[in-house]
């Protein structure tokens, strides 16, 4: 029994070490590729410079950076663009995505939702129809369509996303993973809300598509471990 206990404990420790290493690997991708030069060194390894794909990704990078220039993340200091680049890096470096439209859509995935003047038609015109459709799938509709009811809007969005093409779902899962990895700057209540939403919907979506399951599970464990213990009554 003692040896079984030791073996189980060793297995658990090994598993946790692997989970930690996995998250560190992803976070190191962000740190190692935090500049334009480093980002496009990755792009250039997979798409010839001046190729149609390379130029399209470059245009999306510049478009996203300029559109979100006034926007910052919840800490008030980090540029919002870092999130967009982070999602694209998860796809390119961690998931080894080699579809230029998917990388472009990752860089632009919030532009219809957050930046006035951008819609599916404009994306199709300035990029292509494939990019526009991917961004449309991951864009939440205006809450005004639901009379200001965010919960109703989110339910409808999740229902629609469940029917989305695989690449759109993968972009959204990479988006959720990056948001979870950078959730430390938001209030605890919002963290708990994001954890619940991820457990209730996004984790099931990851399991359905068999992608980023362990990564999302690992970061959920890390976030929950940071919460103060609930006082016993």
Protein backbone atom coordinates (compact mmCIF):
# COMPACT_ATOMS: atom_id res chain seq x y z
CA UNK A 1 0.00 0.00 0.00
CA UNK A 2 2.86 2.35 0.83
CA UNK A 3 4.46 1.79 -2.55
CA UNK A 4 1.12 2.33 -4.28
CA UNK A 5 0.72 5.60 -2.39
CA UNK A 6 4.24 6.70 -3.34
CA UNK A 7 3.66 5.72 -6.97
CA UNK A 8 0.37 7.64 -7.13
CA UNK A 9 1.99 10.68 -5.56
CA UNK A 10 4.92 10.49 -7.97
CA UNK A 11 2.51 10.20 -10.91
CA UNK A 12 0.56 13.24 -9.72
CA UNK A 13 3.72 15.30 -9.24
CA UNK A 14 4.98 14.30 -12.69
CA UNK A 15 1.63 15.25 -14.24
CA UNK A 16 1.62 18.64 -12.50
CA UNK A 17 5.20 19.29 -13.59
CA UNK A 18 4.24 18.56 -17.18
CA UNK A 19 1.26 20.92 -16.94
CA UNK A 20 3.46 23.70 -15.56
CA UNK A 21 6.09 23.10 -18.24
CA UNK A 22 3.40 23.21 -20.93
CA UNK A 23 2.13 26.62 -19.80
CA UNK A 24 5.68 27.96 -19.46
CA UNK A 25 6.41 26.84 -23.00
CA UNK A 26 3.42 28.82 -24.28
CA UNK A 27 4.28 31.90 -22.22
CA UNK A 28 7.89 31.75 -23.40
CA UNK A 29 6.62 31.94 -26.97
CA UNK A 30 5.12 35.34 -26.16
CA UNK A 31 8.29 36.56 -24.44
CA UNK A 32 10.61 35.34 -27.20
CA UNK A 33 8.56 36.88 -30.00
CA UNK A 34 7.42 40.20 -28.59
CA UNK A 35 8.65 42.39 -31.44
CA UNK A 36 7.61 42.81 -35.05
CA UNK A 37 10.98 41.51 -36.23
CA UNK A 38 10.66 38.32 -34.19
CA UNK A 39 7.05 37.78 -35.22
CA UNK A 40 7.87 38.04 -38.91
CA UNK A 41 10.92 35.84 -38.54
CA UNK A 42 8.40 33.11 -37.69
CA UNK A 43 6.13 34.09 -40.57
CA UNK A 44 9.12 34.07 -42.92
CA UNK A 45 10.01 30.50 -41.97
CA UNK A 46 6.72 29.29 -43.39
CA UNK A 47 5.81 31.80 -46.09
CA UNK A 48 8.35 33.27 -48.53
CA UNK A 49 8.91 36.99 -48.03
CA UNK A 50 6.82 38.97 -50.53
CA UNK A 51 4.59 35.96 -51.14
CA UNK A 52 0.84 36.63 -51.17
CA UNK A 53 0.48 34.95 -47.76
CA UNK A 54 3.33 36.89 -46.15
CA UNK A 55 2.04 40.22 -47.45
CA UNK A 56 -1.49 39.43 -46.25
CA UNK A 57 -0.26 38.61 -42.73
CA UNK A 58 1.86 41.77 -42.72
CA UNK A 59 -1.16 43.85 -43.73
CA UNK A 60 -3.27 42.28 -40.97
CA UNK A 61 -0.53 42.90 -38.40
CA UNK A 62 -0.30 46.58 -39.32
CA UNK A 63 -4.08 46.97 -39.55
CA UNK A 64 -4.64 45.46 -36.11
CA UNK A 65 -1.82 47.45 -34.53
CA UNK A 66 -3.10 50.75 -35.91
CA UNK A 67 -6.77 50.05 -35.19
CA UNK A 68 -6.12 49.10 -31.57
CA UNK A 69 -3.44 51.71 -30.89
CA UNK A 70 -5.57 53.63 -28.33
CA UNK A 71 -6.69 50.43 -26.58
CA UNK A 72 -5.11 48.79 -23.54
CA UNK A 73 -5.76 45.64 -21.54
CA UNK A 74 -7.31 45.60 -18.07
CA UNK A 75 -4.04 46.50 -16.33
CA UNK A 76 -4.13 49.87 -18.13
CA UNK A 77 -0.54 49.47 -19.34
CA UNK A 78 -0.38 46.53 -21.75
CA UNK A 79 -1.31 47.36 -25.33
CA UNK A 80 -4.38 45.46 -26.49
CA UNK A 81 -2.45 44.54 -29.62
CA UNK A 82 -0.29 42.22 -27.49
CA UNK A 83 -3.36 40.01 -27.07
CA UNK A 84 -3.99 39.86 -30.81
CA UNK A 85 -0.36 39.01 -31.51
CA UNK A 86 -0.42 36.46 -28.68
CA UNK A 87 -3.36 34.60 -30.19
CA UNK A 88 -1.62 34.50 -33.58
CA UNK A 89 1.55 33.19 -31.91
CA UNK A 90 -0.35 30.37 -30.19
CA UNK A 91 -1.64 29.33 -33.58
CA UNK A 92 1.65 29.65 -35.47
CA UNK A 93 4.22 28.51 -32.92
CA UNK A 94 2.31 26.23 -30.57
CA UNK A 95 -0.33 24.66 -32.80
CA UNK A 96 1.81 24.89 -35.96
CA UNK A 97 -0.97 26.41 -38.06
CA UNK A 98 0.18 27.10 -41.61
CA UNK A 99 -3.00 28.57 -43.08
CA UNK A 100 -2.42 32.28 -43.74
CA UNK A 101 -6.13 33.13 -43.55
CA UNK A 102 -6.33 31.66 -40.06
CA UNK A 103 -3.33 33.67 -38.87
CA UNK A 104 -4.75 36.84 -40.43
CA UNK A 105 -8.14 36.21 -38.80
CA UNK A 106 -6.43 35.68 -35.44
CA UNK A 107 -4.75 39.09 -35.69
CA UNK A 108 -8.09 40.67 -36.62
CA UNK A 109 -10.41 38.57 -34.47
CA UNK A 110 -11.63 41.49 -32.31
CA UNK A 111 -11.74 44.22 -34.93
CA UNK A 112 -15.41 43.89 -35.92
CA UNK A 113 -16.49 43.73 -32.29
CA UNK A 114 -14.38 46.56 -30.89
CA UNK A 115 -13.47 48.98 -33.68
CA UNK A 116 -16.09 51.18 -35.32
CA UNK A 117 -16.22 51.05 -39.10
CA UNK A 118 -15.12 47.44 -39.47
CA UNK A 119 -17.59 44.83 -40.67
CA UNK A 120 -17.61 41.63 -42.68
CA UNK A 121 -17.91 43.48 -45.98
CA UNK A 122 -14.88 45.67 -45.30
CA UNK A 123 -12.79 42.70 -44.21
CA UNK A 124 -13.74 40.82 -47.36
CA UNK A 125 -12.79 43.85 -49.46
CA UNK A 126 -9.47 44.62 -47.75
CA UNK A 127 -8.42 41.01 -47.13
CA UNK A 128 -10.60 38.21 -48.51
CA UNK A 129 -13.91 36.47 -47.97
CA UNK A 130 -12.33 33.59 -46.03
CA UNK A 131 -10.80 35.95 -43.47
CA UNK A 132 -14.04 37.91 -43.19
CA UNK A 133 -16.07 34.78 -42.50
CA UNK A 134 -13.68 33.53 -39.81
CA UNK A 135 -13.75 36.88 -38.03
CA UNK A 136 -17.55 37.00 -38.31
CA UNK A 137 -17.88 33.62 -36.59
CA UNK A 138 -15.81 34.68 -33.57
CA UNK A 139 -17.40 38.14 -33.23
CA UNK A 140 -20.05 38.67 -30.56
CA UNK A 141 -23.15 40.45 -31.86
CA UNK A 142 -24.03 43.85 -30.44
CA UNK A 143 -25.71 43.67 -27.06
CA UNK A 144 -28.25 46.17 -28.43
CA UNK A 145 -29.77 43.32 -30.44
CA UNK A 146 -30.65 41.72 -27.09
CA UNK A 147 -31.97 44.91 -25.45
CA UNK A 148 -28.83 45.26 -23.34
CA UNK A 149 -29.06 41.72 -21.92
CA UNK A 150 -25.44 40.49 -21.98
CA UNK A 151 -26.33 37.02 -20.72
CA UNK A 152 -28.83 36.53 -23.54
CA UNK A 153 -26.26 37.83 -26.04
CA UNK A 154 -23.61 35.46 -24.71
CA UNK A 155 -25.95 32.46 -24.82
CA UNK A 156 -26.81 33.19 -28.44
CA UNK A 157 -23.12 33.70 -29.26
CA UNK A 158 -22.12 30.40 -27.69
CA UNK A 159 -24.91 28.58 -29.49
CA UNK A 160 -23.78 30.04 -32.81
CA UNK A 161 -20.10 29.35 -32.11
CA UNK A 162 -20.91 25.71 -31.47
CA UNK A 163 -21.88 25.46 -35.16
CA UNK A 164 -18.83 27.37 -36.44
CA UNK A 165 -16.20 25.95 -38.82
CA UNK A 166 -13.30 24.17 -37.12
CA UNK A 167 -10.77 26.93 -37.82
CA UNK A 168 -13.03 29.58 -36.29
CA UNK A 169 -13.39 27.45 -33.16
CA UNK A 170 -9.63 26.96 -32.94
CA UNK A 171 -9.09 30.73 -33.18
CA UNK A 172 -11.62 31.25 -30.40
CA UNK A 173 -10.01 28.60 -28.19
CA UNK A 174 -6.58 30.20 -28.69
CA UNK A 175 -8.19 33.53 -27.82
CA UNK A 176 -9.69 32.08 -24.64
CA UNK A 177 -6.38 30.43 -23.68
CA UNK A 178 -4.47 33.70 -24.07
CA UNK A 179 -7.11 35.58 -22.08
CA UNK A 180 -6.87 33.02 -19.27
CA UNK A 181 -3.07 33.21 -19.26
CA UNK A 182 -3.26 36.99 -18.83
CA UNK A 183 -6.19 37.13 -16.42
CA UNK A 184 -4.10 38.17 -13.41
CA UNK A 185 -4.80 41.88 -13.94
CA UNK A 186 -8.59 41.66 -13.57
CA UNK A 187 -10.66 41.59 -10.35
CA UNK A 188 -11.23 38.21 -8.72
CA UNK A 189 -14.96 38.19 -9.50
CA UNK A 190 -14.27 38.57 -13.22
CA UNK A 191 -11.65 35.82 -12.99
CA UNK A 192 -14.20 33.51 -11.36
CA UNK A 193 -16.76 34.38 -14.03
CA UNK A 194 -14.29 33.60 -16.82
CA UNK A 195 -13.36 30.31 -15.15
CA UNK A 196 -17.03 29.28 -14.90
CA UNK A 197 -17.72 30.26 -18.50
CA UNK A 198 -14.67 28.32 -19.66
CA UNK A 199 -15.68 25.22 -17.70
CA UNK A 200 -19.30 25.42 -18.87
CA UNK A 201 -18.65 26.07 -22.55
CA UNK A 202 -15.12 26.49 -23.88
CA UNK A 203 -13.66 23.36 -22.32
CA UNK A 204 -16.45 21.32 -23.89
CA UNK A 205 -15.71 22.99 -27.21
CA UNK A 206 -12.02 22.09 -26.85
CA UNK A 207 -12.95 18.48 -26.12
CA UNK A 208 -15.24 18.39 -29.14
CA UNK A 209 -12.46 19.64 -31.45
CA UNK A 210 -9.70 17.77 -29.56
CA UNK A 211 -7.51 20.87 -29.34
CA UNK A 212 -6.00 22.83 -26.40
CA UNK A 213 -7.84 20.64 -23.87
CA UNK A 214 -4.93 20.10 -21.47
CA UNK A 215 -3.68 23.64 -21.87
CA UNK A 216 -7.03 25.14 -20.90
CA UNK A 217 -7.45 22.67 -18.03
CA UNK A 218 -3.97 23.51 -16.73
CA UNK A 219 -4.49 27.26 -16.72
CA UNK A 220 -7.88 26.84 -15.02
CA UNK A 221 -6.17 24.89 -12.22
CA UNK A 222 -3.54 27.62 -11.90
CA UNK A 223 -6.13 30.40 -11.73
CA UNK A 224 -8.31 28.57 -9.22
CA UNK A 225 -5.24 27.86 -7.09
CA UNK A 226 -4.65 31.60 -6.80
CA UNK A 227 -8.08 32.29 -5.28
CA UNK A 228 -8.18 32.82 -1.51
CA UNK A 229 -9.68 29.87 0.37
CA UNK A 230 -13.38 30.10 1.16
CA UNK A 231 -13.93 30.59 4.88
CA UNK A 232 -15.71 27.69 6.56
CA UNK A 233 -18.98 28.54 8.25
